[in-house]
Amino acid sequence: MAFEYLNYALIGNVTLLDLIIFGIAVLLAVVIAKAVGFYLKKTFSDRVEMAELEFLIKVIQGLIIVIGIYLALPSFDINLADMLVVGGTIGLVIAFASQKIVSNFGSGLFLIIERPIKPGDSININSVSGTVEEIRVLSTIIKTHEGIYVRIPNEKVFSSDITNYVANVARRFEYTIGISYRSDAGKAIQIVKDLLEKESFVLRHPAPSVFVDTLGDSSVNLRVFIWAPSRVWWSVRTQMLWTIKKALEDGGIDIPFPQRVVTISRATRDAVPPHEGKEAEHHG
């Protein structure tokens, strides 16, 4: 008898059982939406600004609930084929009218999931270099090295080549340092190595490398390879060259100016006319 009440028609052909099935389906969709929202907030809270993440979570939760309602509608004996045609037509109109927004929104989702960049990263996208300030649902905000804020649509960010300078924990830089031919290259190399061992931000693994690279016209050229943490790479790079120069000078290593030795033979001196020689001597 109790089950007979489930088949009792409440509104038209809609029975109590239909309402129960519909309610359970919607409740299940809400639970799934809540679980997905909790997972997204826990996973992406360090990648996206909280306001943008909450907006994204609400959109995704709304889509899940709409899908749950759509799947529960057959319990009301509704012709889903007609609804699908109408809904599809409306969807096409909306998508065509806002295709850029949809494209940027989709690209933003892929950026958040793939995570090629995150706030605080030093990056280069096309001709824009700087630090990632925000990753929004539709756009990414870059603060350039000049302090200028640039908004880039996520569609362009996702489809462009991205250079992330801090994705790796370590980054290498190099110097070419010329010393005079009279100086001891072995001593110079040892001075630089001893200096690098004392510097806290110069990494031991990978280890720095110092060696004679080329024999130039005016100097013996040393090559110095140094690895530093990516987050402080720029400050270490700008400070170390001057520190190395001072250490070499204190160690008696000469860093020469470009110079050229000109040899004048006796025949060349004899060929100079006497009056030109006197004039040169007078001006000298």
Protein backbone atom coordinates (compact mmCIF):
# COMPACT_ATOMS: atom_id res chain seq x y z
CA MET A 1 0.00 0.00 0.00
CA ALA A 2 2.83 2.37 0.83
CA PHE A 3 4.34 1.97 -2.65
CA GLU A 4 0.99 2.73 -4.27
CA TYR A 5 1.21 6.31 -2.97
CA LEU A 6 4.46 6.72 -4.92
CA ASN A 7 2.55 6.33 -8.17
CA TYR A 8 -0.07 8.87 -7.16
CA ALA A 9 -0.24 11.71 -9.68
CA LEU A 10 0.40 15.08 -8.10
CA ILE A 11 0.55 17.46 -11.05
CA GLY A 12 -0.62 16.09 -14.38
CA ASN A 13 1.36 12.92 -15.05
CA VAL A 14 4.03 13.78 -12.45
CA THR A 15 3.92 11.28 -9.60
CA LEU A 16 5.41 11.37 -6.13
CA LEU A 17 8.06 8.88 -7.29
CA ASP A 18 9.04 11.24 -10.09
CA LEU A 19 9.54 14.07 -7.59
CA ILE A 20 11.60 11.83 -5.28
CA ILE A 21 13.86 10.71 -8.16
CA PHE A 22 14.23 14.29 -9.35
CA GLY A 23 15.04 15.51 -5.82
CA ILE A 24 17.64 12.76 -5.29
CA ALA A 25 19.28 13.54 -8.66
CA VAL A 26 19.45 17.28 -7.91
CA LEU A 27 20.74 16.63 -4.38
CA LEU A 28 23.43 14.35 -5.79
CA ALA A 29 24.42 17.03 -8.29
CA VAL A 30 24.70 19.61 -5.48
CA VAL A 31 26.87 17.25 -3.42
CA ILE A 32 29.15 16.62 -6.41
CA ALA A 33 29.34 20.37 -7.09
CA LYS A 34 30.32 21.03 -3.47
CA ALA A 35 33.00 18.32 -3.59
CA VAL A 36 34.40 19.67 -6.86
CA GLY A 37 34.44 23.21 -5.42
CA PHE A 38 36.33 22.04 -2.34
CA TYR A 39 38.88 20.20 -4.49
CA LEU A 40 39.40 23.18 -6.80
CA LYS A 41 39.88 25.60 -3.89
CA LYS A 42 42.40 23.28 -2.23
CA THR A 43 44.33 22.56 -5.44
CA PHE A 44 44.42 25.96 -7.13
CA SER A 45 44.43 28.42 -4.23
CA ASP A 46 48.15 29.15 -4.79
CA ARG A 47 47.77 29.61 -8.55
CA VAL A 48 44.84 32.00 -8.88
CA GLU A 49 43.64 35.05 -6.99
CA MET A 50 40.97 34.03 -4.48
CA ALA A 51 38.26 36.26 -5.98
CA GLU A 52 38.89 34.82 -9.44
CA LEU A 53 38.99 31.26 -8.09
CA GLU A 54 35.70 31.67 -6.25
CA PHE A 55 34.05 33.00 -9.40
CA LEU A 56 35.42 30.06 -11.39
CA ILE A 57 34.21 27.59 -8.76
CA LYS A 58 30.70 29.07 -8.82
CA VAL A 59 30.54 28.79 -12.61
CA ILE A 60 31.66 25.14 -12.54
CA GLN A 61 29.28 24.30 -9.69
CA GLY A 62 26.43 25.93 -11.60
CA LEU A 63 27.22 23.85 -14.70
CA ILE A 64 27.29 20.64 -12.64
CA ILE A 65 23.90 21.42 -11.09
CA VAL A 66 22.39 22.30 -14.48
CA ILE A 67 23.67 19.01 -15.90
CA GLY A 68 22.20 17.16 -12.90
CA ILE A 69 18.80 18.80 -13.45
CA TYR A 70 18.98 18.00 -17.16
CA LEU A 71 19.70 14.33 -16.45
CA ALA A 72 16.84 14.18 -13.92
CA LEU A 73 14.21 15.63 -16.26
CA PRO A 74 13.35 12.32 -17.97
CA SER A 75 11.65 11.26 -14.73
CA PHE A 76 8.98 13.89 -15.59
CA ASP A 77 8.43 12.33 -19.02
CA ILE A 78 9.68 15.49 -20.76
CA ASN A 79 10.77 15.29 -24.39
CA LEU A 80 14.48 16.02 -24.09
CA ALA A 81 14.98 15.99 -27.85
CA ASP A 82 12.97 19.21 -28.23
CA MET A 83 14.74 20.79 -25.28
CA LEU A 84 18.10 19.79 -26.74
CA VAL A 85 17.28 21.47 -30.05
CA VAL A 86 16.12 24.65 -28.35
CA GLY A 87 19.01 24.65 -25.88
CA GLY A 88 21.51 23.94 -28.63
CA THR A 89 20.21 26.81 -30.75
CA ILE A 90 20.38 29.23 -27.82
CA GLY A 91 23.86 27.94 -26.96
CA LEU A 92 25.09 28.52 -30.52
CA VAL A 93 23.74 32.07 -30.53
CA ILE A 94 25.38 32.84 -27.18
CA ALA A 95 28.67 31.19 -28.20
CA PHE A 96 28.79 33.11 -31.48
CA ALA A 97 28.06 36.40 -29.75
CA SER A 98 30.67 35.86 -27.06
CA GLN A 99 33.21 33.59 -28.75
CA LYS A 100 36.16 35.67 -27.51
CA ILE A 101 34.91 35.46 -23.93
CA VAL A 102 34.35 31.71 -24.23
CA SER A 103 37.80 31.24 -25.80
CA ASN A 104 39.51 33.26 -23.06
CA PHE A 105 37.52 31.43 -20.37
CA GLY A 106 38.51 28.02 -21.77
CA SER A 107 42.13 29.09 -22.12
CA GLY A 108 42.08 30.33 -18.53
CA LEU A 109 40.90 26.92 -17.35
CA PHE A 110 43.70 25.18 -19.25
CA LEU A 111 46.28 27.61 -17.84
CA ILE A 112 45.10 26.89 -14.31
CA ILE A 113 45.11 23.12 -14.87
CA GLU A 114 48.37 22.89 -16.84
CA ARG A 115 50.08 25.49 -14.63
CA PRO A 116 52.86 26.75 -16.93
CA ILE A 117 52.93 29.96 -14.86
CA LYS A 118 51.80 31.12 -11.43
CA PRO A 119 51.71 34.44 -9.57
CA GLY A 120 55.20 35.66 -8.75
CA ASP A 121 56.90 33.96 -11.72
CA SER A 122 59.28 35.97 -13.89
CA ILE A 123 58.25 35.25 -17.48
CA ASN A 124 58.35 36.41 -21.08
CA ILE A 125 55.32 36.18 -23.39
CA ASN A 126 55.94 37.45 -26.91
CA SER A 127 57.33 40.96 -26.34
CA VAL A 128 56.15 41.31 -22.72
CA SER A 129 58.59 40.49 -19.91
CA GLY A 130 57.88 40.83 -16.22
CA THR A 131 56.32 39.22 -13.16
CA VAL A 132 52.94 37.46 -13.08
CA GLU A 133 50.66 39.46 -10.80
CA GLU A 134 47.30 37.73 -11.33
CA ILE A 135 45.86 34.86 -13.36
CA ARG A 136 42.21 35.73 -13.88
CA VAL A 137 39.51 33.70 -15.54
CA LEU A 138 39.64 35.76 -18.75
CA SER A 139 43.07 37.40 -18.64
CA THR A 140 46.52 37.40 -17.06
CA ILE A 141 48.10 40.51 -15.52
CA ILE A 142 51.86 41.01 -15.99
CA LYS A 143 53.89 43.65 -14.17
CA THR A 144 56.81 44.59 -16.42
CA HIS A 145 60.31 45.37 -15.15
CA GLU A 146 59.49 49.06 -15.71
CA GLY A 147 56.54 48.80 -13.30
CA ILE A 148 53.88 48.85 -16.03
CA TYR A 149 50.86 46.55 -15.71
CA VAL A 150 49.91 44.70 -18.89
CA ARG A 151 46.69 42.72 -19.34
CA ILE A 152 46.98 39.81 -21.78
CA PRO A 153 43.88 37.81 -22.82
CA ASN A 154 44.24 34.17 -21.75
CA GLU A 155 43.69 33.04 -25.33
CA LYS A 156 46.95 34.75 -26.35
CA VAL A 157 48.77 33.52 -23.25
CA PHE A 158 47.75 29.91 -23.88
CA SER A 159 48.63 29.97 -27.60
CA SER A 160 51.98 31.82 -27.19
CA ASP A 161 55.45 30.54 -26.35
CA ILE A 162 55.98 31.15 -22.64
CA THR A 163 59.47 31.53 -21.19
CA ASN A 164 59.40 30.94 -17.44
CA TYR A 165 62.68 32.07 -15.88
CA VAL A 166 61.95 30.67 -12.42
CA ALA A 167 60.24 27.36 -13.20
CA ASN A 168 63.58 25.69 -12.53
CA VAL A 169 64.96 26.33 -9.04
CA ALA A 170 68.41 27.21 -10.42
CA ARG A 171 69.53 29.45 -13.27
CA ARG A 172 72.96 29.92 -14.82
CA PHE A 173 74.75 33.09 -15.86
CA GLU A 174 78.24 33.61 -17.24
CA TYR A 175 81.04 36.15 -17.53
CA THR A 176 83.98 36.58 -19.87
CA ILE A 177 86.91 38.18 -18.01
CA GLY A 178 90.13 39.21 -19.73
CA ILE A 179 93.48 39.16 -17.90
CA SER A 180 96.84 40.30 -19.24
CA TYR A 181 99.29 37.85 -20.80
CA ARG A 182 101.80 38.76 -18.05
CA SER A 183 99.40 37.57 -15.32
CA ASP A 184 99.26 34.00 -14.02
CA ALA A 185 96.07 32.46 -15.45
CA GLY A 186 96.19 29.55 -13.00
CA LYS A 187 96.35 31.93 -10.06
CA ALA A 188 93.49 34.00 -11.47
CA ILE A 189 91.33 30.90 -11.86
CA GLN A 190 92.06 29.85 -8.27
CA ILE A 191 91.19 33.34 -6.95
CA VAL A 192 87.81 33.24 -8.68
CA LYS A 193 87.09 29.67 -7.47
CA ASP A 194 87.98 30.56 -3.87
CA LEU A 195 85.72 33.61 -4.07
CA LEU A 196 82.78 31.64 -5.44
CA GLU A 197 83.10 29.05 -2.67
CA LYS A 198 82.54 31.78 -0.08
CA GLU A 199 79.42 33.24 -1.73
CA SER A 200 76.24 31.90 -0.11
CA PHE A 201 74.02 32.32 -3.18
CA VAL A 202 76.43 30.56 -5.57
CA LEU A 203 75.21 26.96 -5.80
CA ARG A 204 77.49 23.99 -5.21
CA HIS A 205 75.30 21.69 -7.29
CA PRO A 206 75.58 22.42 -10.17
CA ALA A 207 79.06 23.64 -9.32
CA PRO A 208 80.55 26.81 -10.85
CA SER A 209 83.11 26.46 -13.62
CA VAL A 210 86.13 28.68 -14.35
CA PHE A 211 88.51 28.03 -17.27
CA VAL A 212 90.61 29.67 -20.00
CA ASP A 213 88.31 30.11 -22.95
CA THR A 214 90.17 32.05 -25.65
CA LEU A 215 93.46 33.85 -26.30
CA GLY A 216 92.43 37.34 -27.41
CA ASP A 217 94.38 40.11 -29.08
CA SER A 218 94.99 41.94 -25.80
CA SER A 219 94.08 39.43 -23.09
CA VAL A 220 93.70 35.85 -21.98
CA ASN A 221 89.93 35.41 -21.67
CA LEU A 222 88.56 33.45 -18.73
CA ARG A 223 85.02 32.03 -18.85
CA VAL A 224 83.06 31.86 -15.60
CA PHE A 225 79.82 29.82 -15.32
CA ILE A 226 77.79 30.39 -12.13
CA TRP A 227 74.51 28.81 -10.97
CA ALA A 228 72.28 30.72 -8.54
CA PRO A 229 68.72 30.31 -7.18
CA SER A 230 66.29 31.56 -9.82
CA ARG A 231 64.54 33.91 -7.40
CA VAL A 232 67.76 35.87 -6.67
CA TRP A 233 69.49 35.26 -10.01
CA TRP A 234 69.40 38.88 -11.14
CA SER A 235 70.83 40.36 -7.95
CA VAL A 236 73.63 37.77 -7.80
CA ARG A 237 74.48 38.33 -11.46
CA THR A 238 74.71 42.12 -11.07
CA GLN A 239 76.90 41.93 -7.94
CA MET A 240 79.33 39.12 -8.67
CA LEU A 241 81.17 40.65 -11.63
CA TRP A 242 82.38 43.64 -9.62
CA THR A 243 83.28 41.34 -6.69
CA ILE A 244 85.38 39.16 -9.00
CA LYS A 245 87.10 42.22 -10.49
CA LYS A 246 88.10 43.50 -7.04
CA ALA A 247 89.34 40.08 -5.96
CA LEU A 248 91.54 39.75 -9.08
CA GLU A 249 92.99 43.22 -8.59
CA ASP A 250 93.72 42.52 -4.91
CA GLY A 251 95.45 39.30 -6.01
CA GLY A 252 97.77 41.17 -8.37
CA ILE A 253 96.01 40.07 -11.55
CA ASP A 254 96.04 42.75 -14.24
CA ILE A 255 92.87 43.36 -16.26
CA PRO A 256 94.24 45.19 -19.34
CA PHE A 257 92.78 47.76 -21.68
CA PRO A 258 92.68 46.85 -25.37
CA GLN A 259 96.15 47.60 -26.75
CA ARG A 260 98.16 47.27 -29.93
CA VAL A 261 101.94 47.04 -30.39
CA VAL A 262 103.26 48.92 -33.46
CA THR A 263 106.85 48.22 -34.61
CA ILE A 264 108.57 50.73 -36.95
CA SER A 265 111.55 49.37 -38.85
CA ARG A 266 114.75 51.42 -39.56
CA ALA A 267 113.95 51.52 -43.27
CA THR A 268 110.60 53.11 -42.46
CA ARG A 269 112.27 55.76 -40.25
CA ASP A 270 114.81 56.59 -42.96
CA ALA A 271 112.00 57.04 -45.47
CA VAL A 272 110.45 59.88 -43.47
CA PRO A 273 111.41 63.32 -45.03
CA PRO A 274 113.61 65.47 -42.74
CA HIS A 275 111.17 68.39 -42.62
CA GLU A 276 108.33 66.08 -41.59
CA GLY A 277 110.50 64.58 -38.90
CA LYS A 278 111.40 68.06 -37.52
CA GLU A 279 107.72 69.08 -37.59
CA ALA A 280 106.79 65.94 -35.76
CA GLU A 281 109.58 66.56 -33.24
CA HIS A 282 108.47 70.17 -32.79
CA HIS A 283 104.87 69.17 -32.15
CA GLY A 284 106.05 66.43 -29.86
